[in-house]
Structures are given as C-alpha cells and as structure tokens.
Amino acid sequence: SISANFDAFGFYGLLFAMFSIVCLGSSVWGHHMFTVGLDVKTAVFFSSVTMIIGVPTGIKVFTWLYMLLNSSVNVSDPVLWWVVSFI
C-alpha cells in the first residue's frame, strides 16, 4: 500500500507539495486585488487560498531541512551555510 509507506517529508511529500503550490498558486492572485472592491465572498475565497498555500510551503521547507539533516554534508562546507541561511 502506498499510504502505509508515505512519508510527508520524503520524495512523494515534496512532489505533492510542489504540485499543490502550483495549483493553489494559480488562484492566489486575487489577494492582490483588495483595492478594486471585491465582494465579501470573493475576498474570503482568496484569503482562504492564500492561507492554505502555507501548508505545502511548510512541507517543502521542512523537507529541505530533513534532507540536509539526514545527508552526509560537512559542517564546514560554505554551500551548507548558504543553503541554511536561504531557508
């Protein structure tokens, strides 16, 4: 069973997060339209999607950190410090 071996911070978790960010990101643009006088239902929809997109973004960031912690990276490597400061 795929669900028994599903790790939220593994390859499939990152793949799901990236796909979700692409799908949700295509409908998030409306939260920039606050000056045009959107009706309440539309504003609530765009605000909700904007908050929901934080979940796959968090999965993506924690997957990067999980990958760094479980790899054999030398602590004195300058690339590691650049990546950690970027995240």
PDB file of N, CA and C in Angstrom:
ATOM      1  N   SER A   1       0.833  -1.180   0.000  1.00  0.00           N
ATOM      2  CA  SER A   1       0.000   0.000   0.000  1.00  0.00           C
ATOM      3  C   SER A   1       0.879   1.246   0.000  1.00  0.00           C
ATOM      4  N   ILE A   2       0.535   2.183  -0.813  1.00  0.00           N
ATOM      5  CA  ILE A   2       1.325   3.411  -0.902  1.00  0.00           C
ATOM      6  C   ILE A   2       1.156   4.244   0.361  1.00  0.00           C
ATOM      7  N   SER A   3      -0.042   4.306   0.913  1.00  0.00           N
ATOM      8  CA  SER A   3      -0.279   5.157   2.079  1.00  0.00           C
ATOM      9  C   SER A   3       0.441   4.649   3.324  1.00  0.00           C
ATOM     10  N   ALA A   4       0.739   3.354   3.393  1.00  0.00           N
ATOM     11  CA  ALA A   4       1.443   2.826   4.554  1.00  0.00           C
ATOM     12  C   ALA A   4       2.901   3.282   4.563  1.00  0.00           C
ATOM     13  N   ASN A   5       3.491   3.516   3.397  1.00  0.00           N
ATOM     14  CA  ASN A   5       4.886   3.932   3.308  1.00  0.00           C
ATOM     15  C   ASN A   5       5.036   5.412   3.006  1.00  0.00           C
ATOM     16  N   PHE A   6       3.974   6.185   3.099  1.00  0.00           N
ATOM     17  CA  PHE A   6       4.020   7.598   2.746  1.00  0.00           C
ATOM     18  C   PHE A   6       4.689   8.391   3.858  1.00  0.00           C
ATOM     19  N   ASP A   7       5.750   9.081   3.521  1.00  0.00           N
ATOM     20  CA  ASP A   7       6.449   9.953   4.453  1.00  0.00           C
ATOM     21  C   ASP A   7       6.224  11.381   3.988  1.00  0.00           C
ATOM     22  N   ALA A   8       5.653  12.212   4.846  1.00  0.00           N
ATOM     23  CA  ALA A   8       5.321  13.585   4.442  1.00  0.00           C
ATOM     24  C   ALA A   8       6.553  14.374   4.045  1.00  0.00           C
ATOM     25  N   PHE A   9       7.714  13.975   4.545  1.00  0.00           N
ATOM     26  CA  PHE A   9       8.931  14.710   4.246  1.00  0.00           C
ATOM     27  C   PHE A   9       9.854  13.924   3.321  1.00  0.00           C
ATOM     28  N   GLY A  10       9.300  13.041   2.527  1.00  0.00           N
ATOM     29  CA  GLY A  10      10.074  12.291   1.555  1.00  0.00           C
ATOM     30  C   GLY A  10       9.857  12.826   0.154  1.00  0.00           C
ATOM     31  N   PHE A  11      10.193  12.000  -0.821  1.00  0.00           N
ATOM     32  CA  PHE A  11      10.088  12.409  -2.219  1.00  0.00           C
ATOM     33  C   PHE A  11       8.647  12.697  -2.613  1.00  0.00           C
ATOM     34  N   TYR A  12       7.732  11.796  -2.244  1.00  0.00           N
ATOM     35  CA  TYR A  12       6.337  11.981  -2.640  1.00  0.00           C
ATOM     36  C   TYR A  12       5.694  13.156  -1.901  1.00  0.00           C
ATOM     37  N   GLY A  13       6.114  13.402  -0.668  1.00  0.00           N
ATOM     38  CA  GLY A  13       5.626  14.571   0.048  1.00  0.00           C
ATOM     39  C   GLY A  13       6.054  15.861  -0.620  1.00  0.00           C
ATOM     40  N   LEU A  14       7.315  15.903  -1.070  1.00  0.00           N
ATOM     41  CA  LEU A  14       7.806  17.085  -1.775  1.00  0.00           C
ATOM     42  C   LEU A  14       7.115  17.235  -3.120  1.00  0.00           C
ATOM     43  N   LEU A  15       6.895  16.127  -3.805  1.00  0.00           N
ATOM     44  CA  LEU A  15       6.198  16.171  -5.085  1.00  0.00           C
ATOM     45  C   LEU A  15       4.762  16.678  -4.911  1.00  0.00           C
ATOM     46  N   PHE A  16       4.076  16.184  -3.894  1.00  0.00           N
ATOM     47  CA  PHE A  16       2.720  16.649  -3.598  1.00  0.00           C
ATOM     48  C   PHE A  16       2.713  18.131  -3.234  1.00  0.00           C
ATOM     49  N   ALA A  17       3.693  18.559  -2.442  1.00  0.00           N
ATOM     50  CA  ALA A  17       3.763  19.966  -2.038  1.00  0.00           C
ATOM     51  C   ALA A  17       3.996  20.872  -3.242  1.00  0.00           C
ATOM     52  N   MET A  18       4.892  20.487  -4.127  1.00  0.00           N
ATOM     53  CA  MET A  18       5.172  21.314  -5.299  1.00  0.00           C
ATOM     54  C   MET A  18       3.951  21.380  -6.219  1.00  0.00           C
ATOM     55  N   PHE A  19       3.277  20.254  -6.409  1.00  0.00           N
ATOM     56  CA  PHE A  19       2.074  20.238  -7.241  1.00  0.00           C
ATOM     57  C   PHE A  19       0.969  21.088  -6.615  1.00  0.00           C
ATOM     58  N   SER A  20       0.833  21.011  -5.294  1.00  0.00           N
ATOM     59  CA  SER A  20      -0.182  21.815  -4.607  1.00  0.00           C
ATOM     60  C   SER A  20       0.119  23.299  -4.701  1.00  0.00           C
ATOM     61  N   ILE A  21       1.394  23.663  -4.598  1.00  0.00           N
ATOM     62  CA  ILE A  21       1.771  25.072  -4.705  1.00  0.00           C
ATOM     63  C   ILE A  21       1.454  25.598  -6.097  1.00  0.00           C
ATOM     64  N   VAL A  22       1.701  24.789  -7.117  1.00  0.00           N
ATOM     65  CA  VAL A  22       1.389  25.216  -8.485  1.00  0.00           C
ATOM     66  C   VAL A  22      -0.118  25.395  -8.658  1.00  0.00           C
ATOM     67  N   CYS A  23      -0.893  24.428  -8.187  1.00  0.00           N
ATOM     68  CA  CYS A  23      -2.356  24.510  -8.355  1.00  0.00           C
ATOM     69  C   CYS A  23      -2.958  25.653  -7.541  1.00  0.00           C
ATOM     70  N   LEU A  24      -2.565  25.764  -6.276  1.00  0.00           N
ATOM     71  CA  LEU A  24      -3.113  26.831  -5.443  1.00  0.00           C
ATOM     72  C   LEU A  24      -2.572  28.197  -5.850  1.00  0.00           C
ATOM     73  N   GLY A  25      -1.333  28.228  -6.298  1.00  0.00           N
ATOM     74  CA  GLY A  25      -0.726  29.499  -6.697  1.00  0.00           C
ATOM     75  C   GLY A  25      -1.390  30.130  -7.897  1.00  0.00           C
ATOM     76  N   SER A  26      -2.026  29.317  -8.720  1.00  0.00           N
ATOM     77  CA  SER A  26      -2.712  29.882  -9.883  1.00  0.00           C
ATOM     78  C   SER A  26      -3.999  30.608  -9.492  1.00  0.00           C
ATOM     79  N   SER A  27      -4.489  30.377  -8.279  1.00  0.00           N
ATOM     80  CA  SER A  27      -5.707  31.066  -7.848  1.00  0.00           C
ATOM     81  C   SER A  27      -5.466  32.034  -6.691  1.00  0.00           C
ATOM     82  N   VAL A  28      -4.231  32.256  -6.317  1.00  0.00           N
ATOM     83  CA  VAL A  28      -3.916  33.152  -5.207  1.00  0.00           C
ATOM     84  C   VAL A  28      -3.829  34.605  -5.656  1.00  0.00           C
ATOM     85  N   TRP A  29      -3.715  34.849  -6.938  1.00  0.00           N
ATOM     86  CA  TRP A  29      -3.503  36.201  -7.453  1.00  0.00           C
ATOM     87  C   TRP A  29      -4.554  37.188  -6.972  1.00  0.00           C
ATOM     88  N   GLY A  30      -5.733  36.722  -6.624  1.00  0.00           N
ATOM     89  CA  GLY A  30      -6.829  37.609  -6.239  1.00  0.00           C
ATOM     90  C   GLY A  30      -6.608  38.358  -4.943  1.00  0.00           C
ATOM     91  N   HIS A  31      -5.690  37.883  -4.097  1.00  0.00           N
ATOM     92  CA  HIS A  31      -5.484  38.611  -2.850  1.00  0.00           C
ATOM     93  C   HIS A  31      -4.741  39.927  -3.079  1.00  0.00           C
ATOM     94  N   HIS A  32      -4.249  40.152  -4.279  1.00  0.00           N
ATOM     95  CA  HIS A  32      -3.640  41.438  -4.622  1.00  0.00           C
ATOM     96  C   HIS A  32      -4.685  42.449  -5.097  1.00  0.00           C
ATOM     97  N   MET A  33      -5.918  42.025  -5.258  1.00  0.00           N
ATOM     98  CA  MET A  33      -6.973  42.868  -5.823  1.00  0.00           C
ATOM     99  C   MET A  33      -7.813  43.549  -4.740  1.00  0.00           C
ATOM    100  N   PHE A  34      -7.227  43.822  -3.580  1.00  0.00           N
ATOM    101  CA  PHE A  34      -8.012  44.376  -2.480  1.00  0.00           C
ATOM    102  C   PHE A  34      -8.459  45.815  -2.713  1.00  0.00           C
ATOM    103  N   THR A  35      -7.876  46.525  -3.649  1.00  0.00           N
ATOM    104  CA  THR A  35      -8.257  47.926  -3.865  1.00  0.00           C
ATOM    105  C   THR A  35      -9.404  48.085  -4.860  1.00  0.00           C
ATOM    106  N   VAL A  36      -9.809  47.017  -5.538  1.00  0.00           N
ATOM    107  CA  VAL A  36     -10.853  47.146  -6.557  1.00  0.00           C
ATOM    108  C   VAL A  36     -12.253  46.928  -5.995  1.00  0.00           C
ATOM    109  N   GLY A  37     -12.368  46.634  -4.726  1.00  0.00           N
ATOM    110  CA  GLY A  37     -13.685  46.468  -4.125  1.00  0.00           C
ATOM    111  C   GLY A  37     -14.314  45.121  -4.405  1.00  0.00           C
ATOM    112  N   LEU A  38     -13.628  44.042  -4.083  1.00  0.00           N
ATOM    113  CA  LEU A  38     -14.192  42.701  -4.242  1.00  0.00           C
ATOM    114  C   LEU A  38     -15.324  42.493  -3.242  1.00  0.00           C
ATOM    115  N   ASP A  39     -16.311  41.687  -3.641  1.00  0.00           N
ATOM    116  CA  ASP A  39     -17.371  41.376  -2.686  1.00  0.00           C
ATOM    117  C   ASP A  39     -16.817  40.443  -1.612  1.00  0.00           C
ATOM    118  N   VAL A  40     -17.550  40.269  -0.538  1.00  0.00           N
ATOM    119  CA  VAL A  40     -17.057  39.560   0.638  1.00  0.00           C
ATOM    120  C   VAL A  40     -16.746  38.097   0.331  1.00  0.00           C
ATOM    121  N   LYS A  41     -17.608  37.426  -0.421  1.00  0.00           N
ATOM    122  CA  LYS A  41     -17.390  36.008  -0.722  1.00  0.00           C
ATOM    123  C   LYS A  41     -16.106  35.795  -1.518  1.00  0.00           C
ATOM    124  N   THR A  42     -15.850  36.658  -2.474  1.00  0.00           N
ATOM    125  CA  THR A  42     -14.640  36.536  -3.276  1.00  0.00           C
ATOM    126  C   THR A  42     -13.407  36.831  -2.437  1.00  0.00           C
ATOM    127  N   ALA A  43     -13.483  37.834  -1.592  1.00  0.00           N
ATOM    128  CA  ALA A  43     -12.350  38.171  -0.728  1.00  0.00           C
ATOM    129  C   ALA A  43     -12.048  37.040   0.256  1.00  0.00           C
ATOM    130  N   VAL A  44     -13.092  36.406   0.792  1.00  0.00           N
ATOM    131  CA  VAL A  44     -12.898  35.280   1.707  1.00  0.00           C
ATOM    132  C   VAL A  44     -12.261  34.105   0.975  1.00  0.00           C
ATOM    133  N   PHE A  45     -12.690  33.840  -0.255  1.00  0.00           N
ATOM    134  CA  PHE A  45     -12.102  32.750  -1.032  1.00  0.00           C
ATOM    135  C   PHE A  45     -10.609  32.972  -1.248  1.00  0.00           C
ATOM    136  N   PHE A  46     -10.240  34.154  -1.729  1.00  0.00           N
ATOM    137  CA  PHE A  46      -8.831  34.418  -1.999  1.00  0.00           C
ATOM    138  C   PHE A  46      -8.003  34.447  -0.718  1.00  0.00           C
ATOM    139  N   SER A  47      -8.564  34.943   0.368  1.00  0.00           N
ATOM    140  CA  SER A  47      -7.851  34.937   1.646  1.00  0.00           C
ATOM    141  C   SER A  47      -7.638  33.511   2.144  1.00  0.00           C
ATOM    142  N   SER A  48      -8.642  32.666   1.981  1.00  0.00           N
ATOM    143  CA  SER A  48      -8.531  31.270   2.416  1.00  0.00           C
ATOM    144  C   SER A  48      -7.477  30.520   1.624  1.00  0.00           C
ATOM    145  N   VAL A  49      -7.482  30.696   0.311  1.00  0.00           N
ATOM    146  CA  VAL A  49      -6.491  30.014  -0.523  1.00  0.00           C
ATOM    147  C   VAL A  49      -5.088  30.508  -0.191  1.00  0.00           C
ATOM    148  N   THR A  50      -4.957  31.789   0.116  1.00  0.00           N
ATOM    149  CA  THR A  50      -3.657  32.338   0.478  1.00  0.00           C
ATOM    150  C   THR A  50      -3.147  31.719   1.772  1.00  0.00           C
ATOM    151  N   MET A  51      -4.033  31.475   2.739  1.00  0.00           N
ATOM    152  CA  MET A  51      -3.609  30.837   3.985  1.00  0.00           C
ATOM    153  C   MET A  51      -3.321  29.351   3.783  1.00  0.00           C
ATOM    154  N   ILE A  52      -4.111  28.685   2.955  1.00  0.00           N
ATOM    155  CA  ILE A  52      -3.942  27.245   2.741  1.00  0.00           C
ATOM    156  C   ILE A  52      -2.627  26.938   2.029  1.00  0.00           C
ATOM    157  N   ILE A  53      -2.147  27.847   1.195  1.00  0.00           N
ATOM    158  CA  ILE A  53      -0.918  27.590   0.449  1.00  0.00           C
ATOM    159  C   ILE A  53       0.298  27.528   1.376  1.00  0.00           C
ATOM    160  N   GLY A  54       0.132  27.980   2.610  1.00  0.00           N
ATOM    161  CA  GLY A  54       1.222  27.889   3.580  1.00  0.00           C
ATOM    162  C   GLY A  54       1.528  26.461   4.005  1.00  0.00           C
ATOM    163  N   VAL A  55       0.548  25.566   3.931  1.00  0.00           N
ATOM    164  CA  VAL A  55       0.759  24.173   4.349  1.00  0.00           C
ATOM    165  C   VAL A  55       1.741  23.456   3.421  1.00  0.00           C
ATOM    166  N   PRO A  56       1.518  23.431   2.089  1.00  0.00           N
ATOM    167  CA  PRO A  56       2.514  22.769   1.242  1.00  0.00           C
ATOM    168  C   PRO A  56       3.852  23.505   1.221  1.00  0.00           C
ATOM    169  N   THR A  57       3.841  24.810   1.448  1.00  0.00           N
ATOM    170  CA  THR A  57       5.100  25.541   1.522  1.00  0.00           C
ATOM    171  C   THR A  57       5.889  25.108   2.751  1.00  0.00           C
ATOM    172  N   GLY A  58       5.208  24.916   3.864  1.00  0.00           N
ATOM    173  CA  GLY A  58       5.871  24.409   5.062  1.00  0.00           C
ATOM    174  C   GLY A  58       6.412  23.007   4.868  1.00  0.00           C
ATOM    175  N   ILE A  59       5.651  22.150   4.185  1.00  0.00           N
ATOM    176  CA  ILE A  59       6.129  20.795   3.893  1.00  0.00           C
ATOM    177  C   ILE A  59       7.381  20.857   3.038  1.00  0.00           C
ATOM    178  N   LYS A  60       7.395  21.762   2.071  1.00  0.00           N
ATOM    179  CA  LYS A  60       8.560  21.894   1.192  1.00  0.00           C
ATOM    180  C   LYS A  60       9.793  22.342   1.977  1.00  0.00           C
ATOM    181  N   VAL A  61       9.650  23.333   2.836  1.00  0.00           N
ATOM    182  CA  VAL A  61      10.792  23.841   3.606  1.00  0.00           C
ATOM    183  C   VAL A  61      11.291  22.787   4.588  1.00  0.00           C
ATOM    184  N   PHE A  62      10.387  22.109   5.290  1.00  0.00           N
ATOM    185  CA  PHE A  62      10.817  21.091   6.237  1.00  0.00           C
ATOM    186  C   PHE A  62      11.401  19.868   5.531  1.00  0.00           C
ATOM    187  N   THR A  63      10.983  19.600   4.300  1.00  0.00           N
ATOM    188  CA  THR A  63      11.605  18.531   3.524  1.00  0.00           C
ATOM    189  C   THR A  63      13.038  18.888   3.188  1.00  0.00           C
ATOM    190  N   TRP A  64      13.281  20.146   2.831  1.00  0.00           N
ATOM    191  CA  TRP A  64      14.663  20.585   2.580  1.00  0.00           C
ATOM    192  C   TRP A  64      15.523  20.406   3.827  1.00  0.00           C
ATOM    193  N   LEU A  65      14.992  20.819   4.993  1.00  0.00           N
ATOM    194  CA  LEU A  65      15.749  20.679   6.239  1.00  0.00           C
ATOM    195  C   LEU A  65      15.967  19.210   6.600  1.00  0.00           C
ATOM    196  N   TYR A  66      14.956  18.383   6.397  1.00  0.00           N
ATOM    197  CA  TYR A  66      15.060  16.946   6.655  1.00  0.00           C
ATOM    198  C   TYR A  66      16.138  16.324   5.772  1.00  0.00           C
ATOM    199  N   MET A  67      16.190  16.758   4.517  1.00  0.00           N
ATOM    200  CA  MET A  67      17.205  16.259   3.596  1.00  0.00           C
ATOM    201  C   MET A  67      18.602  16.659   4.070  1.00  0.00           C
ATOM    202  N   LEU A  68      18.755  17.899   4.524  1.00  0.00           N
ATOM    203  CA  LEU A  68      20.060  18.353   4.986  1.00  0.00           C
ATOM    204  C   LEU A  68      20.508  17.619   6.241  1.00  0.00           C
ATOM    205  N   LEU A  69      19.583  17.372   7.169  1.00  0.00           N
ATOM    206  CA  LEU A  69      19.948  16.707   8.414  1.00  0.00           C
ATOM    207  C   LEU A  69      20.284  15.237   8.211  1.00  0.00           C
ATOM    208  N   ASN A  70      19.691  14.594   7.233  1.00  0.00           N
ATOM    209  CA  ASN A  70      19.919  13.168   7.002  1.00  0.00           C
ATOM    210  C   ASN A  70      20.950  12.886   5.925  1.00  0.00           C
ATOM    211  N   SER A  71      21.647  13.901   5.472  1.00  0.00           N
ATOM    212  CA  SER A  71      22.686  13.682   4.466  1.00  0.00           C
ATOM    213  C   SER A  71      24.053  13.764   5.129  1.00  0.00           C
ATOM    214  N   SER A  72      25.051  13.366   4.409  1.00  0.00           N
ATOM    215  CA  SER A  72      26.416  13.422   4.938  1.00  0.00           C
ATOM    216  C   SER A  72      27.109  14.671   4.413  1.00  0.00           C
ATOM    217  N   VAL A  73      26.666  15.813   4.907  1.00  0.00           N
ATOM    218  CA  VAL A  73      27.220  17.094   4.494  1.00  0.00           C
ATOM    219  C   VAL A  73      28.206  17.546   5.555  1.00  0.00           C
ATOM    220  N   ASN A  74      29.340  18.050   5.116  1.00  0.00           N
ATOM    221  CA  ASN A  74      30.342  18.559   6.026  1.00  0.00           C
ATOM    222  C   ASN A  74      29.890  19.914   6.567  1.00  0.00           C
ATOM    223  N   VAL A  75      29.984  20.104   7.883  1.00  0.00           N
ATOM    224  CA  VAL A  75      29.507  21.335   8.507  1.00  0.00           C
ATOM    225  C   VAL A  75      30.335  22.540   8.076  1.00  0.00           C
ATOM    226  N   SER A  76      31.580  22.328   7.712  1.00  0.00           N
ATOM    227  CA  SER A  76      32.431  23.451   7.313  1.00  0.00           C
ATOM    228  C   SER A  76      32.260  23.816   5.838  1.00  0.00           C
ATOM    229  N   ASP A  77      31.373  23.151   5.156  1.00  0.00           N
ATOM    230  CA  ASP A  77      31.138  23.444   3.740  1.00  0.00           C
ATOM    231  C   ASP A  77      30.376  24.764   3.605  1.00  0.00           C
ATOM    232  N   PRO A  78      30.911  25.750   2.867  1.00  0.00           N
ATOM    233  CA  PRO A  78      30.239  27.048   2.753  1.00  0.00           C
ATOM    234  C   PRO A  78      28.877  26.970   2.065  1.00  0.00           C
ATOM    235  N   VAL A  79      28.701  26.001   1.179  1.00  0.00           N
ATOM    236  CA  VAL A  79      27.417  25.868   0.493  1.00  0.00           C
ATOM    237  C   VAL A  79      26.319  25.521   1.493  1.00  0.00           C
ATOM    238  N   LEU A  80      26.639  24.714   2.489  1.00  0.00           N
ATOM    239  CA  LEU A  80      25.661  24.360   3.518  1.00  0.00           C
ATOM    240  C   LEU A  80      25.180  25.598   4.256  1.00  0.00           C
ATOM    241  N   TRP A  81      26.069  26.479   4.620  1.00  0.00           N
ATOM    242  CA  TRP A  81      25.679  27.700   5.338  1.00  0.00           C
ATOM    243  C   TRP A  81      24.854  28.617   4.453  1.00  0.00           C
ATOM    244  N   TRP A  82      25.157  28.656   3.168  1.00  0.00           N
ATOM    245  CA  TRP A  82      24.364  29.475   2.255  1.00  0.00           C
ATOM    246  C   TRP A  82      22.952  28.918   2.136  1.00  0.00           C
ATOM    247  N   VAL A  83      22.838  27.602   2.017  1.00  0.00           N
ATOM    248  CA  VAL A  83      21.520  26.972   1.878  1.00  0.00           C
ATOM    249  C   VAL A  83      20.694  27.171   3.147  1.00  0.00           C
ATOM    250  N   VAL A  84      21.300  26.978   4.312  1.00  0.00           N
ATOM    251  CA  VAL A  84      20.571  27.139   5.570  1.00  0.00           C
ATOM    252  C   VAL A  84      20.134  28.590   5.758  1.00  0.00           C
ATOM    253  N   SER A  85      20.977  29.540   5.411  1.00  0.00           N
ATOM    254  CA  SER A  85      20.580  30.943   5.546  1.00  0.00           C
ATOM    255  C   SER A  85      19.503  31.315   4.534  1.00  0.00           C
ATOM    256  N   PHE A  86      19.488  30.642   3.383  1.00  0.00           N
ATOM    257  CA  PHE A  86      18.438  30.878   2.396  1.00  0.00           C
ATOM    258  C   PHE A  86      17.096  30.382   2.906  1.00  0.00           C
ATOM    259  N   ILE A  87      17.100  29.207   3.515  1.00  0.00           N
ATOM    260  CA  ILE A  87      15.856  28.627   4.030  1.00  0.00           C
ATOM    261  C   ILE A  87      15.389  29.439   5.213  1.00  0.00           C
TER     262      ILE A  87
END
